[in-house]
C-alpha atoms as a PDB file:
ATOM      1  CA  MET A   1      25.974  13.232  -3.141  1.00  0.00           C
ATOM      2  CA  ASN A   2      23.837  10.408  -4.542  1.00  0.00           C
ATOM      3  CA  ARG A   3      20.566  10.874  -6.394  1.00  0.00           C
ATOM      4  CA  ILE A   4      17.879   8.258  -5.691  1.00  0.00           C
ATOM      5  CA  LEU A   5      14.771   7.817  -7.859  1.00  0.00           C
ATOM      6  CA  PHE A   6      11.863   5.889  -6.327  1.00  0.00           C
ATOM      7  CA  ALA A   7       9.439   4.396  -8.866  1.00  0.00           C
ATOM      8  CA  GLY A   8       6.071   3.165  -7.714  1.00  0.00           C
ATOM      9  CA  GLY A   9       2.813   5.035  -8.133  1.00  0.00           C
ATOM     10  CA  GLY A  10      -0.863   4.623  -8.799  1.00  0.00           C
ATOM     11  CA  THR A  11      -2.075   3.580  -5.358  1.00  0.00           C
ATOM     12  CA  ALA A  12      -0.940   4.000  -1.788  1.00  0.00           C
ATOM     13  CA  GLY A  13       0.103   0.346  -1.868  1.00  0.00           C
ATOM     14  CA  HIS A  14       3.064   1.351  -4.037  1.00  0.00           C
ATOM     15  CA  ILE A  15       3.558   4.922  -2.787  1.00  0.00           C
ATOM     16  CA  GLU A  16       3.635   4.351   0.977  1.00  0.00           C
ATOM     17  CA  PRO A  17       6.424   1.717   0.987  1.00  0.00           C
ATOM     18  CA  ALA A  18       8.484   3.895  -1.352  1.00  0.00           C
ATOM     19  CA  TRP A  19       7.963   6.868   0.950  1.00  0.00           C
ATOM     20  CA  ALA A  20       8.878   4.798   4.023  1.00  0.00           C
ATOM     21  CA  VAL A  21      12.202   3.779   2.461  1.00  0.00           C
ATOM     22  CA  SER A  22      12.870   7.352   1.320  1.00  0.00           C
ATOM     23  CA  GLU A  23      12.443   8.588   4.903  1.00  0.00           C
ATOM     24  CA  VAL A  24      15.014   6.081   6.126  1.00  0.00           C
ATOM     25  CA  TRP A  25      17.410   7.147   3.371  1.00  0.00           C
ATOM     26  CA  ARG A  26      16.982  10.849   4.153  1.00  0.00           C
ATOM     27  CA  LYS A  27      17.856  10.212   7.791  1.00  0.00           C
ATOM     28  CA  ARG A  28      20.985   8.284   6.820  1.00  0.00           C
ATOM     29  CA  TYR A  29      22.075  10.654   4.059  1.00  0.00           C
ATOM     30  CA  PRO A  30      20.429  14.075   4.486  1.00  0.00           C
ATOM     31  CA  GLY A  31      22.597  15.546   1.734  1.00  0.00           C
ATOM     32  CA  ASP A  32      21.379  13.131  -0.957  1.00  0.00           C
ATOM     33  CA  GLU A  33      18.670  14.009  -3.479  1.00  0.00           C
ATOM     34  CA  VAL A  34      15.521  11.896  -3.382  1.00  0.00           C
ATOM     35  CA  ALA A  35      12.725  12.024  -5.975  1.00  0.00           C
ATOM     36  CA  PHE A  36       9.708   9.998  -7.093  1.00  0.00           C
ATOM     37  CA  LEU A  37       8.449   8.826 -10.469  1.00  0.00           C
ATOM     38  CA  GLY A  38       4.728   8.639 -11.192  1.00  0.00           C
ATOM     39  CA  THR A  39       1.911   9.414 -13.605  1.00  0.00           C
ATOM     40  CA  LYS A  40      -0.663  12.185 -13.606  1.00  0.00           C
ATOM     41  CA  SER A  41      -3.480   9.693 -12.965  1.00  0.00           C
ATOM     42  CA  GLY A  42      -2.016   8.193  -9.793  1.00  0.00           C
ATOM     43  CA  LEU A  43      -2.485   9.080  -6.142  1.00  0.00           C
ATOM     44  CA  GLU A  44       1.141  10.248  -6.095  1.00  0.00           C
ATOM     45  CA  VAL A  45       0.162  13.575  -7.679  1.00  0.00           C
ATOM     46  CA  THR A  46      -1.595  14.360  -4.404  1.00  0.00           C
ATOM     47  CA  LEU A  47       0.401  12.513  -1.746  1.00  0.00           C
ATOM     48  CA  ILE A  48       3.956  13.355  -2.816  1.00  0.00           C
ATOM     49  CA  PRO A  49       3.519  17.148  -3.179  1.00  0.00           C
ATOM     50  CA  GLU A  50       1.523  17.261   0.075  1.00  0.00           C
ATOM     51  CA  ARG A  51       4.601  15.804   1.791  1.00  0.00           C
ATOM     52  CA  ASN A  52       6.960  18.226   0.016  1.00  0.00           C
ATOM     53  CA  GLY A  53       8.437  15.483  -2.146  1.00  0.00           C
ATOM     54  CA  THR A  54       9.833  15.931  -5.646  1.00  0.00           C
ATOM     55  CA  LEU A  55       7.751  14.173  -8.302  1.00  0.00           C
ATOM     56  CA  TYR A  56       8.503  13.497 -11.981  1.00  0.00           C
ATOM     57  CA  LEU A  57       5.668  12.378 -14.266  1.00  0.00           C
ATOM     58  CA  ILE A  58       5.732  10.000 -17.224  1.00  0.00           C
ATOM     59  CA  PRO A  59       2.922   8.703 -19.467  1.00  0.00           C
ATOM     60  CA  LYS A  60       0.919   5.831 -18.006  1.00  0.00           C
ATOM     61  CA  VAL A  61       0.957   2.748 -20.220  1.00  0.00           C
ATOM     62  CA  VAL A  62      -1.314  -0.216 -19.465  1.00  0.00           C
ATOM     63  CA  ALA A  63      -0.496  -3.578 -21.043  1.00  0.00           C
ATOM     64  CA  PRO A  64      -3.494  -4.718 -23.165  1.00  0.00           C
ATOM     65  CA  ARG A  65      -5.233  -7.966 -22.236  1.00  0.00           C
ATOM     66  CA  LYS A  66      -6.936  -8.494 -25.604  1.00  0.00           C
ATOM     67  CA  LEU A  67      -6.461  -7.599 -29.260  1.00  0.00           C
ATOM     68  CA  ASN A  68      -7.943  -4.162 -29.880  1.00  0.00           C
ATOM     69  CA  LEU A  69      -6.857  -0.629 -30.806  1.00  0.00           C
ATOM     70  CA  SER A  70      -4.994  -0.290 -27.491  1.00  0.00           C
ATOM     71  CA  ALA A  71      -3.022  -3.444 -28.291  1.00  0.00           C
ATOM     72  CA  ILE A  72      -2.027  -2.027 -31.671  1.00  0.00           C
ATOM     73  CA  LEU A  73      -0.948   1.267 -30.153  1.00  0.00           C
ATOM     74  CA  PHE A  74       0.783  -0.307 -27.153  1.00  0.00           C
ATOM     75  CA  PRO A  75       4.280  -0.638 -28.713  1.00  0.00           C
ATOM     76  CA  PHE A  76       4.270   3.056 -29.673  1.00  0.00           C
ATOM     77  CA  ARG A  77       3.011   4.124 -26.255  1.00  0.00           C
ATOM     78  CA  ILE A  78       5.556   2.084 -24.331  1.00  0.00           C
ATOM     79  CA  ILE A  79       8.405   3.376 -26.511  1.00  0.00           C
ATOM     80  CA  ASN A  80       7.227   6.945 -25.892  1.00  0.00           C
ATOM     81  CA  SER A  81       7.025   6.298 -22.144  1.00  0.00           C
ATOM     82  CA  ILE A  82      10.502   4.725 -22.046  1.00  0.00           C
ATOM     83  CA  PHE A  83      11.968   7.593 -24.096  1.00  0.00           C
ATOM     84  CA  LYS A  84      10.598  10.148 -21.623  1.00  0.00           C
ATOM     85  CA  THR A  85      11.653   8.032 -18.654  1.00  0.00           C
ATOM     86  CA  VAL A  86      15.237   7.767 -19.939  1.00  0.00           C
ATOM     87  CA  ALA A  87      15.488  11.565 -19.882  1.00  0.00           C
ATOM     88  CA  ILE A  88      14.648  11.488 -16.152  1.00  0.00           C
ATOM     89  CA  VAL A  89      16.517   8.349 -15.079  1.00  0.00           C
ATOM     90  CA  LYS A  90      19.812   9.494 -16.633  1.00  0.00           C
ATOM     91  CA  GLU A  91      20.024  12.193 -13.945  1.00  0.00           C
ATOM     92  CA  PHE A  92      19.920   9.653 -11.090  1.00  0.00           C
ATOM     93  CA  ASP A  93      22.362   7.130  -9.671  1.00  0.00           C
ATOM     94  CA  VAL A  94      19.929   4.337  -8.817  1.00  0.00           C
ATOM     95  CA  VAL A  95      16.307   3.381  -9.481  1.00  0.00           C
ATOM     96  CA  VAL A  96      14.365   1.836  -6.598  1.00  0.00           C
ATOM     97  CA  GLY A  97      11.155   0.250  -7.885  1.00  0.00           C
ATOM     98  CA  PHE A  98       8.043  -0.941  -6.081  1.00  0.00           C
ATOM     99  CA  GLY A  99       6.024  -2.292  -8.989  1.00  0.00           C
ATOM    100  CA  GLY A 100       3.033  -0.941 -10.869  1.00  0.00           C
ATOM    101  CA  TYR A 101       2.691   0.800 -14.207  1.00  0.00           C
ATOM    102  CA  VAL A 102       5.426   3.355 -13.476  1.00  0.00           C
ATOM    103  CA  SER A 103       8.096   0.839 -12.583  1.00  0.00           C
ATOM    104  CA  GLY A 104       8.083  -1.046 -15.895  1.00  0.00           C
ATOM    105  CA  SER A 105       9.267   1.979 -17.866  1.00  0.00           C
ATOM    106  CA  ALA A 106      11.709   2.897 -15.090  1.00  0.00           C
ATOM    107  CA  TYR A 107      13.325  -0.560 -15.118  1.00  0.00           C
ATOM    108  CA  ILE A 108      13.755  -0.581 -18.889  1.00  0.00           C
ATOM    109  CA  ALA A 109      15.176   2.949 -18.880  1.00  0.00           C
ATOM    110  CA  ALA A 110      17.600   2.091 -16.085  1.00  0.00           C
ATOM    111  CA  ALA A 111      18.721  -1.089 -17.876  1.00  0.00           C
ATOM    112  CA  LEU A 112      19.347   0.848 -21.097  1.00  0.00           C
ATOM    113  CA  LEU A 113      21.399   3.409 -19.178  1.00  0.00           C
ATOM    114  CA  ARG A 114      23.248   0.762 -17.127  1.00  0.00           C
ATOM    115  CA  LYS A 115      21.913   2.268 -13.910  1.00  0.00           C
ATOM    116  CA  PRO A 116      21.638  -0.036 -10.882  1.00  0.00           C
ATOM    117  CA  ILE A 117      18.148  -1.211  -9.933  1.00  0.00           C
ATOM    118  CA  VAL A 118      16.737  -2.198  -6.535  1.00  0.00           C
ATOM    119  CA  ILE A 119      13.318  -3.857  -6.438  1.00  0.00           C
ATOM    120  CA  HIS A 120      10.790  -4.524  -3.714  1.00  0.00           C
ATOM    121  CA  ASP A 121       7.550  -6.429  -4.259  1.00  0.00           C
ATOM    122  CA  GLN A 122       4.855  -6.023  -1.623  1.00  0.00           C
ATOM    123  CA  ASN A 123       2.468  -8.805  -2.633  1.00  0.00           C
ATOM    124  CA  ALA A 124       2.241 -12.545  -2.121  1.00  0.00           C
ATOM    125  CA  LYS A 125       2.071 -12.851  -5.915  1.00  0.00           C
ATOM    126  CA  VAL A 126       4.734 -10.864  -7.766  1.00  0.00           C
ATOM    127  CA  GLY A 127       3.507  -8.389 -10.378  1.00  0.00           C
ATOM    128  CA  LEU A 128       4.532  -8.311 -14.039  1.00  0.00           C
ATOM    129  CA  ALA A 129       6.623  -5.149 -13.769  1.00  0.00           C
ATOM    130  CA  ASN A 130       8.744  -6.564 -10.964  1.00  0.00           C
ATOM    131  CA  LYS A 131       9.158  -9.899 -12.742  1.00  0.00           C
ATOM    132  CA  LEU A 132      10.589  -7.920 -15.641  1.00  0.00           C
ATOM    133  CA  GLY A 133      12.729  -5.657 -13.472  1.00  0.00           C
ATOM    134  CA  ALA A 134      14.164  -8.554 -11.491  1.00  0.00           C
ATOM    135  CA  LYS A 135      15.997  -9.686 -14.641  1.00  0.00           C
ATOM    136  CA  PHE A 136      18.097  -6.501 -14.497  1.00  0.00           C
ATOM    137  CA  ALA A 137      18.134  -5.719 -10.772  1.00  0.00           C
ATOM    138  CA  LYS A 138      21.203  -5.955  -8.556  1.00  0.00           C
ATOM    139  CA  GLU A 139      19.113  -6.290  -5.395  1.00  0.00           C
ATOM    140  CA  VAL A 140      15.632  -7.819  -5.049  1.00  0.00           C
ATOM    141  CA  ALA A 141      13.578  -7.764  -1.848  1.00  0.00           C
ATOM    142  CA  VAL A 142      10.116  -9.231  -1.275  1.00  0.00           C
ATOM    143  CA  ALA A 143       7.511  -9.230   1.470  1.00  0.00           C
ATOM    144  CA  TYR A 144       6.523 -12.896   1.197  1.00  0.00           C
ATOM    145  CA  PRO A 145       8.564 -16.097   0.786  1.00  0.00           C
ATOM    146  CA  ASN A 146       8.283 -18.280  -2.322  1.00  0.00           C
ATOM    147  CA  SER A 147       8.136 -15.263  -4.621  1.00  0.00           C
ATOM    148  CA  GLY A 148       9.782 -17.083  -7.507  1.00  0.00           C
ATOM    149  CA  LEU A 149      12.312 -14.262  -7.944  1.00  0.00           C
ATOM    150  CA  ASN A 150      15.915 -15.451  -7.914  1.00  0.00           C
ATOM    151  CA  LYS A 151      18.033 -14.396  -4.927  1.00  0.00           C
ATOM    152  CA  ALA A 152      15.206 -12.358  -3.425  1.00  0.00           C
ATOM    153  CA  ARG A 153      15.590 -11.291   0.201  1.00  0.00           C
ATOM    154  CA  VAL A 154      12.445 -11.736   2.322  1.00  0.00           C
ATOM    155  CA  VAL A 155      12.206  -8.501   4.320  1.00  0.00           C
ATOM    156  CA  GLY A 156       8.480  -7.890   4.844  1.00  0.00           C
ATOM    157  CA  ASN A 157       6.797  -4.670   3.813  1.00  0.00           C
ATOM    158  CA  PRO A 158       8.153  -1.169   4.515  1.00  0.00           C
ATOM    159  CA  LEU A 159       5.717   0.463   6.914  1.00  0.00           C
ATOM    160  CA  ARG A 160       5.030   4.113   7.593  1.00  0.00           C
ATOM    161  CA  ALA A 161       7.063   5.567  10.461  1.00  0.00           C
ATOM    162  CA  GLN A 162       3.869   6.237  12.420  1.00  0.00           C
ATOM    163  CA  ILE A 163       2.883   2.551  12.180  1.00  0.00           C
ATOM    164  CA  VAL A 164       6.319   1.363  13.298  1.00  0.00           C
ATOM    165  CA  LYS A 165       6.283   3.776  16.241  1.00  0.00           C
ATOM    166  CA  ALA A 166       2.804   2.623  17.262  1.00  0.00           C
ATOM    167  CA  ALA A 167       3.819  -1.043  16.970  1.00  0.00           C
ATOM    168  CA  ASN A 168       6.805  -0.447  19.255  1.00  0.00           C
ATOM    169  CA  GLN A 169       4.785   1.079  22.099  1.00  0.00           C
ATOM    170  CA  ILE A 170       4.789  -0.757  25.423  1.00  0.00           C
ATOM    171  CA  ASP A 171       1.226  -0.644  26.755  1.00  0.00           C
ATOM    172  CA  TRP A 172      -1.367  -1.630  24.140  1.00  0.00           C
ATOM    173  CA  GLY A 173      -4.285  -0.761  26.418  1.00  0.00           C
ATOM    174  CA  VAL A 174      -3.064   2.779  27.045  1.00  0.00           C
ATOM    175  CA  ALA A 175      -2.208   3.276  23.374  1.00  0.00           C
ATOM    176  CA  ARG A 176      -5.675   2.168  22.327  1.00  0.00           C
ATOM    177  CA  LYS A 177      -7.360   4.410  24.913  1.00  0.00           C
ATOM    178  CA  ASN A 178      -5.296   7.415  23.826  1.00  0.00           C
ATOM    179  CA  ALA A 179      -6.102   6.768  20.170  1.00  0.00           C
ATOM    180  CA  LYS A 180      -9.833   6.620  20.852  1.00  0.00           C
ATOM    181  CA  SER A 181      -9.594   9.836  22.845  1.00  0.00           C
ATOM    182  CA  ALA A 182      -7.698  11.566  20.032  1.00  0.00           C
ATOM    183  CA  LEU A 183     -10.492  10.649  17.608  1.00  0.00           C
ATOM    184  CA  GLY A 184     -13.284  11.540  20.012  1.00  0.00           C
ATOM    185  CA  ILE A 185     -14.464   7.924  20.255  1.00  0.00           C
ATOM    186  CA  SER A 186     -15.865   6.632  23.550  1.00  0.00           C
ATOM    187  CA  GLY A 187     -17.276   3.249  22.520  1.00  0.00           C
ATOM    188  CA  GLU A 188     -16.610   0.599  19.890  1.00  0.00           C
ATOM    189  CA  LEU A 189     -15.154   1.697  16.562  1.00  0.00           C
ATOM    190  CA  ILE A 190     -15.374   0.062  13.139  1.00  0.00           C
ATOM    191  CA  LEU A 191     -12.774   1.258  10.638  1.00  0.00           C
ATOM    192  CA  ILE A 192     -13.734   0.788   6.979  1.00  0.00           C
ATOM    193  CA  LEU A 193     -11.115   1.008   4.234  1.00  0.00           C
ATOM    194  CA  GLY A 194     -11.631   0.447   0.537  1.00  0.00           C
ATOM    195  CA  GLY A 195      -8.047   0.982  -0.541  1.00  0.00           C
ATOM    196  CA  SER A 196      -6.444   4.334  -1.330  1.00  0.00           C
ATOM    197  CA  SER A 197      -8.778   4.937  -4.280  1.00  0.00           C
ATOM    198  CA  GLY A 198     -11.804   3.699  -2.367  1.00  0.00           C
ATOM    199  CA  SER A 199     -14.266   0.982  -3.301  1.00  0.00           C
ATOM    200  CA  ARG A 200     -17.691   1.843  -4.656  1.00  0.00           C
ATOM    201  CA  ALA A 201     -18.862  -1.714  -4.003  1.00  0.00           C
ATOM    202  CA  ILE A 202     -17.933  -1.515  -0.310  1.00  0.00           C
ATOM    203  CA  ASN A 203     -19.257   2.050  -0.042  1.00  0.00           C
ATOM    204  CA  GLU A 204     -22.663   0.970  -1.356  1.00  0.00           C
ATOM    205  CA  VAL A 205     -22.941  -1.812   1.231  1.00  0.00           C
ATOM    206  CA  ILE A 206     -21.939   0.520   4.062  1.00  0.00           C
ATOM    207  CA  ALA A 207     -24.526   3.091   2.943  1.00  0.00           C
ATOM    208  CA  GLN A 208     -27.250   0.440   3.397  1.00  0.00           C
ATOM    209  CA  THR A 209     -26.045  -0.818   6.792  1.00  0.00           C
ATOM    210  CA  GLU A 210     -27.370   0.231  10.213  1.00  0.00           C
ATOM    211  CA  PHE A 211     -24.587   0.245  12.799  1.00  0.00           C
ATOM    212  CA  ASN A 212     -26.828   0.788  15.841  1.00  0.00           C
ATOM    213  CA  GLY A 213     -24.758   2.948  18.150  1.00  0.00           C
ATOM    214  CA  VAL A 214     -21.331   1.740  17.029  1.00  0.00           C
ATOM    215  CA  ASP A 215     -18.957   4.462  15.819  1.00  0.00           C
ATOM    216  CA  VAL A 216     -17.749   4.176  12.232  1.00  0.00           C
ATOM    217  CA  ILE A 217     -14.878   5.880  10.435  1.00  0.00           C
ATOM    218  CA  HIS A 218     -15.200   5.212   6.709  1.00  0.00           C
ATOM    219  CA  SER A 219     -12.465   6.055   4.211  1.00  0.00           C
ATOM    220  CA  VAL A 220     -14.431   6.319   0.968  1.00  0.00           C
ATOM    221  CA  GLY A 221     -11.463   7.160  -1.298  1.00  0.00           C
ATOM    222  CA  LYS A 222     -10.406  10.399  -2.919  1.00  0.00           C
ATOM    223  CA  GLU A 223     -12.110   9.469  -6.182  1.00  0.00           C
ATOM    224  CA  ASN A 224     -15.551   8.986  -4.622  1.00  0.00           C
ATOM    225  CA  LYS A 225     -18.143  11.492  -3.435  1.00  0.00           C
ATOM    226  CA  LEU A 226     -18.044  12.050   0.314  1.00  0.00           C
ATOM    227  CA  PRO A 227     -21.327  10.878   1.922  1.00  0.00           C
ATOM    228  CA  GLU A 228     -23.121  12.979   4.486  1.00  0.00           C
ATOM    229  CA  ALA A 229     -21.898  12.507   8.050  1.00  0.00           C
ATOM    230  CA  LYS A 230     -24.448  11.458  10.666  1.00  0.00           C
ATOM    231  CA  SER A 231     -24.486  10.428  14.295  1.00  0.00           C
ATOM    232  CA  GLY A 232     -21.699   7.896  14.853  1.00  0.00           C
ATOM    233  CA  TYR A 233     -20.782   7.769  11.149  1.00  0.00           C
ATOM    234  CA  ARG A 234     -17.730   9.731  10.006  1.00  0.00           C
ATOM    235  CA  PRO A 235     -16.856   9.547   6.285  1.00  0.00           C
ATOM    236  CA  VAL A 236     -13.439  10.804   5.137  1.00  0.00           C
ATOM    237  CA  SER A 237     -11.709  10.861   1.751  1.00  0.00           C
ATOM    238  CA  TYR A 238      -8.379   9.510   2.975  1.00  0.00           C
ATOM    239  CA  ILE A 239      -6.814   8.683   6.347  1.00  0.00           C
ATOM    240  CA  GLU A 240      -3.355  10.181   6.718  1.00  0.00           C
ATOM    241  CA  ASP A 241      -2.877   9.192  10.387  1.00  0.00           C
ATOM    242  CA  MET A 242      -3.533   5.492   9.917  1.00  0.00           C
ATOM    243  CA  ALA A 243      -1.721   4.502  13.116  1.00  0.00           C
ATOM    244  CA  THR A 244      -4.184   6.346  15.353  1.00  0.00           C
ATOM    245  CA  ALA A 245      -7.170   5.060  13.377  1.00  0.00           C
ATOM    246  CA  LEU A 246      -5.982   1.453  13.601  1.00  0.00           C
ATOM    247  CA  LEU A 247      -5.121   1.623  17.293  1.00  0.00           C
ATOM    248  CA  ALA A 248      -8.573   3.004  18.039  1.00  0.00           C
ATOM    249  CA  ALA A 249     -10.454   0.487  15.897  1.00  0.00           C
ATOM    250  CA  ASP A 250     -12.082  -2.623  17.349  1.00  0.00           C
ATOM    251  CA  VAL A 251     -12.372  -4.244  13.939  1.00  0.00           C
ATOM    252  CA  VAL A 252     -11.372  -3.282  10.392  1.00  0.00           C
ATOM    253  CA  ILE A 253     -13.321  -3.926   7.202  1.00  0.00           C
ATOM    254  CA  SER A 254     -10.940  -3.595   4.281  1.00  0.00           C
ATOM    255  CA  ARG A 255      -9.541  -4.636   0.951  1.00  0.00           C
ATOM    256  CA  SER A 256      -6.551  -6.934   1.432  1.00  0.00           C
ATOM    257  CA  GLY A 257      -3.814  -4.921  -0.192  1.00  0.00           C
ATOM    258  CA  ALA A 258      -0.325  -5.952   0.866  1.00  0.00           C
ATOM    259  CA  ILE A 259       0.427  -2.840   2.922  1.00  0.00           C
ATOM    260  CA  ALA A 260      -2.962  -2.967   4.638  1.00  0.00           C
ATOM    261  CA  CYS A 261      -2.325  -6.586   5.671  1.00  0.00           C
ATOM    262  CA  SER A 262       1.110  -5.705   7.044  1.00  0.00           C
ATOM    263  CA  GLU A 263      -0.182  -2.679   8.961  1.00  0.00           C
ATOM    264  CA  PHE A 264      -3.032  -4.653  10.535  1.00  0.00           C
ATOM    265  CA  ALA A 265      -0.591  -7.385  11.547  1.00  0.00           C
ATOM    266  CA  ALA A 266       1.808  -4.861  13.073  1.00  0.00           C
ATOM    267  CA  LEU A 267      -0.940  -3.338  15.225  1.00  0.00           C
ATOM    268  CA  GLY A 268      -2.856  -6.525  15.987  1.00  0.00           C
ATOM    269  CA  LYS A 269      -6.140  -5.633  14.326  1.00  0.00           C
ATOM    270  CA  TYR A 270      -8.744  -8.247  13.462  1.00  0.00           C
ATOM    271  CA  ALA A 271      -9.889  -7.685   9.888  1.00  0.00           C
ATOM    272  CA  LEU A 272     -12.707  -8.661   7.606  1.00  0.00           C
ATOM    273  CA  PHE A 273     -11.068  -8.714   4.184  1.00  0.00           C
ATOM    274  CA  ILE A 274     -12.945  -8.224   0.919  1.00  0.00           C
ATOM    275  CA  PRO A 275     -10.319  -8.943  -1.759  1.00  0.00           C
ATOM    276  CA  LEU A 276     -10.443  -6.948  -4.968  1.00  0.00           C
ATOM    277  CA  PRO A 277     -12.182  -9.298  -7.439  1.00  0.00           C
ATOM    278  CA  ILE A 278     -10.027  -8.208 -10.386  1.00  0.00           C
ATOM    279  CA  GLY A 279      -6.288  -8.337 -11.030  1.00  0.00           C
ATOM    280  CA  ASN A 280      -4.037 -11.375 -10.669  1.00  0.00           C
ATOM    281  CA  GLY A 281      -5.504 -12.626  -7.390  1.00  0.00           C
ATOM    282  CA  GLU A 282      -2.762 -11.236  -5.150  1.00  0.00           C
ATOM    283  CA  GLN A 283      -5.174  -9.643  -2.673  1.00  0.00           C
ATOM    284  CA  ALA A 284      -6.683 -12.953  -1.597  1.00  0.00           C
ATOM    285  CA  LEU A 285      -3.187 -14.437  -1.256  1.00  0.00           C
ATOM    286  CA  ASN A 286      -1.978 -11.470   0.806  1.00  0.00           C
ATOM    287  CA  ALA A 287      -4.549 -12.225   3.495  1.00  0.00           C
ATOM    288  CA  ASN A 288      -3.937 -15.972   3.785  1.00  0.00           C
ATOM    289  CA  GLU A 289      -1.299 -15.752   6.527  1.00  0.00           C
ATOM    290  CA  LEU A 290      -3.537 -13.653   8.785  1.00  0.00           C
ATOM    291  CA  VAL A 291      -6.547 -15.864   8.128  1.00  0.00           C
ATOM    292  CA  ALA A 292      -4.516 -18.971   9.024  1.00  0.00           C
ATOM    293  CA  ALA A 293      -3.504 -17.306  12.296  1.00  0.00           C
ATOM    294  CA  HIS A 294      -7.171 -16.488  13.081  1.00  0.00           C
ATOM    295  CA  LYS A 295      -6.401 -12.766  12.865  1.00  0.00           C
ATOM    296  CA  ALA A 296      -8.716 -12.187   9.915  1.00  0.00           C
ATOM    297  CA  GLU A 297     -11.385 -13.667   7.699  1.00  0.00           C
ATOM    298  CA  ILE A 298     -12.224 -13.286   4.019  1.00  0.00           C
ATOM    299  CA  ILE A 299     -15.526 -12.733   2.298  1.00  0.00           C
ATOM    300  CA  GLN A 300     -15.879 -12.392  -1.453  1.00  0.00           C
ATOM    301  CA  GLN A 301     -17.247  -9.105  -2.748  1.00  0.00           C
ATOM    302  CA  ARG A 302     -20.320 -10.812  -4.254  1.00  0.00           C
ATOM    303  CA  ASP A 303     -21.241 -12.157  -0.795  1.00  0.00           C
ATOM    304  CA  PHE A 304     -20.599  -8.932   1.114  1.00  0.00           C
ATOM    305  CA  THR A 305     -24.031  -7.371   1.596  1.00  0.00           C
ATOM    306  CA  SER A 306     -25.680  -5.151   4.186  1.00  0.00           C
ATOM    307  CA  GLY A 307     -27.733  -8.157   5.307  1.00  0.00           C
ATOM    308  CA  TRP A 308     -24.597 -10.232   5.881  1.00  0.00           C
ATOM    309  CA  LEU A 309     -22.913  -7.364   7.716  1.00  0.00           C
ATOM    310  CA  ASN A 310     -25.901  -6.681   9.965  1.00  0.00           C
ATOM    311  CA  THR A 311     -26.017 -10.366  10.895  1.00  0.00           C
ATOM    312  CA  ASN A 312     -22.274 -10.706  11.574  1.00  0.00           C
ATOM    313  CA  LEU A 313     -21.332  -7.285  12.983  1.00  0.00           C
ATOM    314  CA  ALA A 314     -21.612  -8.218  16.668  1.00  0.00           C
ATOM    315  CA  ARG A 315     -19.519 -11.336  16.087  1.00  0.00           C
ATOM    316  CA  LEU A 316     -16.813  -9.355  14.272  1.00  0.00           C
ATOM    317  CA  LEU A 317     -16.573  -6.817  17.092  1.00  0.00           C
ATOM    318  CA  LYS A 318     -15.864  -9.611  19.569  1.00  0.00           C
ATOM    319  CA  GLN A 319     -12.862 -10.770  17.515  1.00  0.00           C
ATOM    320  CA  GLY A 320     -10.778  -7.631  18.055  1.00  0.00           C
ATOM    321  CA  SER A 321      -7.243  -8.080  19.334  1.00  0.00           C
ATOM    322  CA  VAL A 322      -4.456  -5.767  20.474  1.00  0.00           C
ATOM    323  CA  GLU A 323      -1.716  -8.376  20.076  1.00  0.00           C
ATOM    324  CA  ALA A 324       0.643  -7.749  17.172  1.00  0.00           C
ATOM    325  CA  PHE A 325       1.074 -10.640  14.752  1.00  0.00           C
ATOM    326  CA  GLY A 326       4.830 -10.195  14.508  1.00  0.00           C
ATOM    327  CA  THR A 327       5.255  -8.749  11.034  1.00  0.00           C
ATOM    328  CA  PRO A 328       8.788  -7.401  10.365  1.00  0.00           C
ATOM    329  CA  LEU A 329       9.141  -3.718  11.280  1.00  0.00           C
ATOM    330  CA  ASN A 330      12.548  -3.061   9.715  1.00  0.00           C
ATOM    331  CA  ALA A 331      11.841  -3.709   6.023  1.00  0.00           C
ATOM    332  CA  ALA A 332      12.492  -0.064   5.106  1.00  0.00           C
ATOM    333  CA  GLU A 333      15.921  -0.230   6.750  1.00  0.00           C
ATOM    334  CA  GLN A 334      16.726  -3.496   4.942  1.00  0.00           C
ATOM    335  CA  ILE A 335      15.807  -1.991   1.570  1.00  0.00           C
ATOM    336  CA  ALA A 336      17.935   1.045   2.364  1.00  0.00           C
ATOM    337  CA  ASP A 337      20.772  -1.426   3.002  1.00  0.00           C
ATOM    338  CA  CYS A 338      20.150  -2.840  -0.495  1.00  0.00           C
ATOM    339  CA  ILE A 339      20.505   0.663  -1.962  1.00  0.00           C
ATOM    340  CA  GLU A 340      23.766   1.185  -0.056  1.00  0.00           C
ATOM    341  CA  ARG A 341      25.186  -2.042  -1.466  1.00  0.00           C
ATOM    342  CA  VAL A 342      24.466  -1.175  -5.091  1.00  0.00           C
ATOM    343  CA  LEU A 343      25.984   2.295  -4.653  1.00  0.00           C
ATOM    344  CA  SER A 344      29.132   1.096  -2.905  1.00  0.00           C
END
C-alpha cells in the first residue's frame, strides 16, 4: 500500500485539481491511502471534510513583500511550518504539489526527507512555490507551454469528474436543455463567479445592475454575506455542481483563474473575464488563449461597472457558444501516471 499526500490549498484553484487527481488514483489503487495538506485559513477546511477526505493542517506562512515585522519573523515562521510539515510528510511515500502557500513547506519537507515529489502548475505563469519545488521534483507537469520549468510535461489542467463527463456528452443542445431544466431556468442564464472566495468588487457591481428578465445565478463566495434573492436573481455561497451550472449558462462573468478558464473551454462557454488585479499577473495570462480564439473577452476590474454591464449585457448574451474549445480532458490521468513513475 502506498500513501499519497496532496499539497495545495487556499482556493479551489489549487484544491479542485488535487481532488481530481486523487479521484483517479483512488480508482486505480483503492487500497492506497490518500490525504491532503492545507491550512486552517483555506477553503480546504470546508471542501475536503465535506467530501470525506483526510486533511492535515500546517501553519500558513506568507512570504513578505517589504521590510517590516513580518519580514523579520518570516524565517522563524517558515522553520516552524517546515518542522511541523516534516512530521506529516515522513508518514507518506510521495508528495504531489499544486502550488500555493501549503506546497512550499511540503516541498522543502519532502526534499529533506528524500521523498519523491510530483508537481503540477495550473497557471500560465508559474508560481514561486512550484518554481522552488521543481528543483527537487522527479516529475513536473504544467497546464500551459513555455512554463520555464525544465522537463515539464504539458498536460492541461485536471478537471472535476463532473466537468469531464459533461464535456464528453454527445448532444450539446440536449445537455444544455437538461441543465436548464435541472436548475429551473426557462430563459437566458448569466452565471457570475468571483472565484472560490468570492469577489467583493464584482459583487458590488452586480448588486447595482438591473438584469431585466434574464436569470442570474451568482456565486458570491463563502467569505461574503449572501444577498437577498429576488425574482430571477439567485445568490449562492458556492457552486458544487459546476458542470450543470456551466451547461445551463448562456454567458459567464468570472475571474480568470486557471481552472475556471479550463472548465469554460471544456464546456464551450463564452466568458467575460475580470482578472484579479493583484498577484503576479497570471490571471490575465490564463485567459489569453480563449480571448485569441474569440471565446472570451477581458475587462479590467477598474472598468467593470454596472453602467458598462448594462450597456454590454445584450451583446454578451449573443456570444454564447456550446462548442468546446478542445482543452485536454485527461490531465488528471497523466498526473496519476507521473505518480506511478516516481513510485515504481
